Amino acid sequence: TTIAVMADKPAWVEMFGGDEAIFLELIEAYLESSEEIKTNIKSSFENKNNTEFEAMMHKLKGATSNFRVEALDSQIDEIYELSQSKDVAETYPKYVQMLGNLEALEKELRAYLK
């Protein structure tokens, strides 16, 4: 089950002082970096490299935080915290759910660029 992502563009733009240009720049910057971040997360997950996984989860949190999707931010935090105390493989169910939620967010963000 994926989270509900904020679908109200005017409310999102309002978070950036009503400046749609800033909002669109943030979307473009996020989308440009997200594939690399997700690739690195996947690689570190598959290689069970907790240190790299933690670093990439932290980077992802920073990248997604501009969009203030609290449920996604909470998931990322939870996975990050679990990876600090356990083998990264133990985060798998939450990791898969988070990837689905990232896809939902990115789909909405791409729609705003059209």
C-alpha atoms as a PDB file:
ATOM      1  CA  THR A   1       0.000   0.000   0.000  1.00  0.00           C
ATOM      2  CA  THR A   2       1.399   3.360  -0.974  1.00  0.00           C
ATOM      3  CA  ILE A   3       0.922   6.553   0.966  1.00  0.00           C
ATOM      4  CA  ALA A   4      -1.291   9.371  -0.184  1.00  0.00           C
ATOM      5  CA  VAL A   5       0.876  12.068  -1.682  1.00  0.00           C
ATOM      6  CA  MET A   6      -0.183  15.679  -1.585  1.00  0.00           C
ATOM      7  CA  ALA A   7      -2.031  16.216  -4.859  1.00  0.00           C
ATOM      8  CA  ASP A   8      -2.923  19.851  -4.262  1.00  0.00           C
ATOM      9  CA  LYS A   9      -0.418  21.844  -6.327  1.00  0.00           C
ATOM     10  CA  PRO A  10      -1.547  25.277  -5.035  1.00  0.00           C
ATOM     11  CA  ALA A  11      -0.997  24.140  -1.437  1.00  0.00           C
ATOM     12  CA  TRP A  12       2.448  22.808  -2.313  1.00  0.00           C
ATOM     13  CA  VAL A  13       3.394  26.023  -4.115  1.00  0.00           C
ATOM     14  CA  GLU A  14       2.148  28.009  -1.113  1.00  0.00           C
ATOM     15  CA  MET A  15       4.724  26.200   1.038  1.00  0.00           C
ATOM     16  CA  PHE A  16       7.321  27.972  -1.103  1.00  0.00           C
ATOM     17  CA  GLY A  17       5.875  31.422  -0.575  1.00  0.00           C
ATOM     18  CA  GLY A  18       3.652  31.138  -3.624  1.00  0.00           C
ATOM     19  CA  ASP A  19       6.674  31.180  -5.950  1.00  0.00           C
ATOM     20  CA  GLU A  20       5.922  28.480  -8.498  1.00  0.00           C
ATOM     21  CA  ALA A  21       9.326  28.904 -10.162  1.00  0.00           C
ATOM     22  CA  ILE A  22      11.113  27.850  -6.957  1.00  0.00           C
ATOM     23  CA  PHE A  23       8.746  24.918  -6.575  1.00  0.00           C
ATOM     24  CA  LEU A  24       9.415  23.753 -10.148  1.00  0.00           C
ATOM     25  CA  GLU A  25      13.183  24.146  -9.699  1.00  0.00           C
ATOM     26  CA  LEU A  26      13.052  21.963  -6.584  1.00  0.00           C
ATOM     27  CA  ILE A  27      11.104  19.318  -8.476  1.00  0.00           C
ATOM     28  CA  GLU A  28      13.594  19.317 -11.340  1.00  0.00           C
ATOM     29  CA  ALA A  29      16.576  19.147  -8.974  1.00  0.00           C
ATOM     30  CA  TYR A  30      15.008  16.275  -7.037  1.00  0.00           C
ATOM     31  CA  LEU A  31      14.118  14.280 -10.144  1.00  0.00           C
ATOM     32  CA  GLU A  32      17.633  14.766 -11.554  1.00  0.00           C
ATOM     33  CA  SER A  33      19.226  13.344  -8.414  1.00  0.00           C
ATOM     34  CA  SER A  34      16.657  10.742  -7.378  1.00  0.00           C
ATOM     35  CA  GLU A  35      17.635   7.986  -9.815  1.00  0.00           C
ATOM     36  CA  GLU A  36      21.255   8.061  -8.673  1.00  0.00           C
ATOM     37  CA  ILE A  37      20.233   8.072  -5.016  1.00  0.00           C
ATOM     38  CA  LYS A  38      17.825   5.155  -5.540  1.00  0.00           C
ATOM     39  CA  THR A  39      20.467   3.224  -7.509  1.00  0.00           C
ATOM     40  CA  ASN A  40      22.987   3.716  -4.699  1.00  0.00           C
ATOM     41  CA  ILE A  41      20.422   2.704  -2.080  1.00  0.00           C
ATOM     42  CA  LYS A  42      19.591  -0.442  -4.028  1.00  0.00           C
ATOM     43  CA  SER A  43      23.261  -1.309  -4.494  1.00  0.00           C
ATOM     44  CA  SER A  44      24.126  -0.789  -0.837  1.00  0.00           C
ATOM     45  CA  PHE A  45      21.039  -2.764   0.181  1.00  0.00           C
ATOM     46  CA  GLU A  46      21.925  -5.687  -2.093  1.00  0.00           C
ATOM     47  CA  ASN A  47      25.556  -5.630  -0.920  1.00  0.00           C
ATOM     48  CA  LYS A  48      24.447  -5.367   2.727  1.00  0.00           C
ATOM     49  CA  ASN A  49      26.636  -2.305   3.148  1.00  0.00           C
ATOM     50  CA  ASN A  50      25.026  -0.679   6.185  1.00  0.00           C
ATOM     51  CA  THR A  51      27.329   2.339   6.178  1.00  0.00           C
ATOM     52  CA  GLU A  52      26.580   3.247   2.562  1.00  0.00           C
ATOM     53  CA  PHE A  53      22.891   2.401   2.999  1.00  0.00           C
ATOM     54  CA  GLU A  54      22.628   4.737   6.004  1.00  0.00           C
ATOM     55  CA  ALA A  55      24.391   7.530   4.090  1.00  0.00           C
ATOM     56  CA  MET A  56      22.089   7.137   1.093  1.00  0.00           C
ATOM     57  CA  MET A  57      18.966   7.037   3.273  1.00  0.00           C
ATOM     58  CA  HIS A  58      20.120  10.268   4.910  1.00  0.00           C
ATOM     59  CA  LYS A  59      20.659  11.806   1.469  1.00  0.00           C
ATOM     60  CA  LEU A  60      17.210  10.643   0.356  1.00  0.00           C
ATOM     61  CA  LYS A  61      15.615  12.182   3.445  1.00  0.00           C
ATOM     62  CA  GLY A  62      17.189  15.516   2.590  1.00  0.00           C
ATOM     63  CA  ALA A  63      16.108  15.278  -1.032  1.00  0.00           C
ATOM     64  CA  THR A  64      12.474  14.444  -0.258  1.00  0.00           C
ATOM     65  CA  SER A  65      12.035  16.720   2.754  1.00  0.00           C
ATOM     66  CA  ASN A  66      11.325  19.764   0.564  1.00  0.00           C
ATOM     67  CA  PHE A  67       8.023  18.186  -0.418  1.00  0.00           C
ATOM     68  CA  ARG A  68       6.897  17.623   3.176  1.00  0.00           C
ATOM     69  CA  VAL A  69       5.299  14.237   2.724  1.00  0.00           C
ATOM     70  CA  GLU A  70       5.326  13.322   6.402  1.00  0.00           C
ATOM     71  CA  ALA A  71       4.439   9.655   5.954  1.00  0.00           C
ATOM     72  CA  LEU A  72       7.332   9.169   3.531  1.00  0.00           C
ATOM     73  CA  ASP A  73       9.712  11.116   5.763  1.00  0.00           C
ATOM     74  CA  SER A  74       8.674   8.882   8.677  1.00  0.00           C
ATOM     75  CA  GLN A  75       9.308   5.746   6.618  1.00  0.00           C
ATOM     76  CA  ILE A  76      12.757   6.946   5.621  1.00  0.00           C
ATOM     77  CA  ASP A  77      13.567   7.787   9.249  1.00  0.00           C
ATOM     78  CA  GLU A  78      12.377   4.377  10.417  1.00  0.00           C
ATOM     79  CA  ILE A  79      14.435   2.518   7.801  1.00  0.00           C
ATOM     80  CA  TYR A  80      17.478   4.651   8.599  1.00  0.00           C
ATOM     81  CA  GLU A  81      17.157   3.931  12.323  1.00  0.00           C
ATOM     82  CA  LEU A  82      16.633   0.200  11.735  1.00  0.00           C
ATOM     83  CA  SER A  83      19.696   0.049   9.513  1.00  0.00           C
ATOM     84  CA  GLN A  84      21.809   1.581  12.276  1.00  0.00           C
ATOM     85  CA  SER A  85      20.947  -1.147  14.749  1.00  0.00           C
ATOM     86  CA  LYS A  86      20.342  -4.164  12.516  1.00  0.00           C
ATOM     87  CA  ASP A  87      21.467  -5.770   9.320  1.00  0.00           C
ATOM     88  CA  VAL A  88      20.171  -3.740   6.395  1.00  0.00           C
ATOM     89  CA  ALA A  89      18.408  -6.854   5.033  1.00  0.00           C
ATOM     90  CA  GLU A  90      16.004  -6.705   7.990  1.00  0.00           C
ATOM     91  CA  THR A  91      14.573  -3.459   6.607  1.00  0.00           C
ATOM     92  CA  TYR A  92      13.384  -5.212   3.423  1.00  0.00           C
ATOM     93  CA  PRO A  93       9.574  -4.996   3.873  1.00  0.00           C
ATOM     94  CA  LYS A  94       9.740  -1.321   4.799  1.00  0.00           C
ATOM     95  CA  TYR A  95      12.314  -0.696   2.062  1.00  0.00           C
ATOM     96  CA  VAL A  96      10.003  -2.141  -0.630  1.00  0.00           C
ATOM     97  CA  GLN A  97       7.077  -0.070   0.629  1.00  0.00           C
ATOM     98  CA  MET A  98       9.227   3.071   0.676  1.00  0.00           C
ATOM     99  CA  LEU A  99      10.277   2.503  -2.952  1.00  0.00           C
ATOM    100  CA  GLY A 100       6.615   2.328  -3.946  1.00  0.00           C
ATOM    101  CA  ASN A 101       5.942   5.563  -2.102  1.00  0.00           C
ATOM    102  CA  LEU A 102       8.876   7.257  -3.802  1.00  0.00           C
ATOM    103  CA  GLU A 103       7.462   6.216  -7.162  1.00  0.00           C
ATOM    104  CA  ALA A 104       4.081   7.725  -6.204  1.00  0.00           C
ATOM    105  CA  LEU A 105       5.744  10.987  -5.186  1.00  0.00           C
ATOM    106  CA  GLU A 106       7.850  11.131  -8.336  1.00  0.00           C
ATOM    107  CA  LYS A 107       4.822  10.452 -10.536  1.00  0.00           C
ATOM    108  CA  GLU A 108       3.044  13.436  -9.013  1.00  0.00           C
ATOM    109  CA  LEU A 109       6.112  15.632  -9.277  1.00  0.00           C
ATOM    110  CA  ARG A 110       6.551  14.769 -12.964  1.00  0.00           C
ATOM    111  CA  ALA A 111       2.877  15.608 -13.549  1.00  0.00           C
ATOM    112  CA  TYR A 112       3.464  19.107 -12.137  1.00  0.00           C
ATOM    113  CA  LEU A 113       6.193  19.723 -14.716  1.00  0.00           C
ATOM    114  CA  LYS A 114       3.755  19.179 -17.586  1.00  0.00           C
END
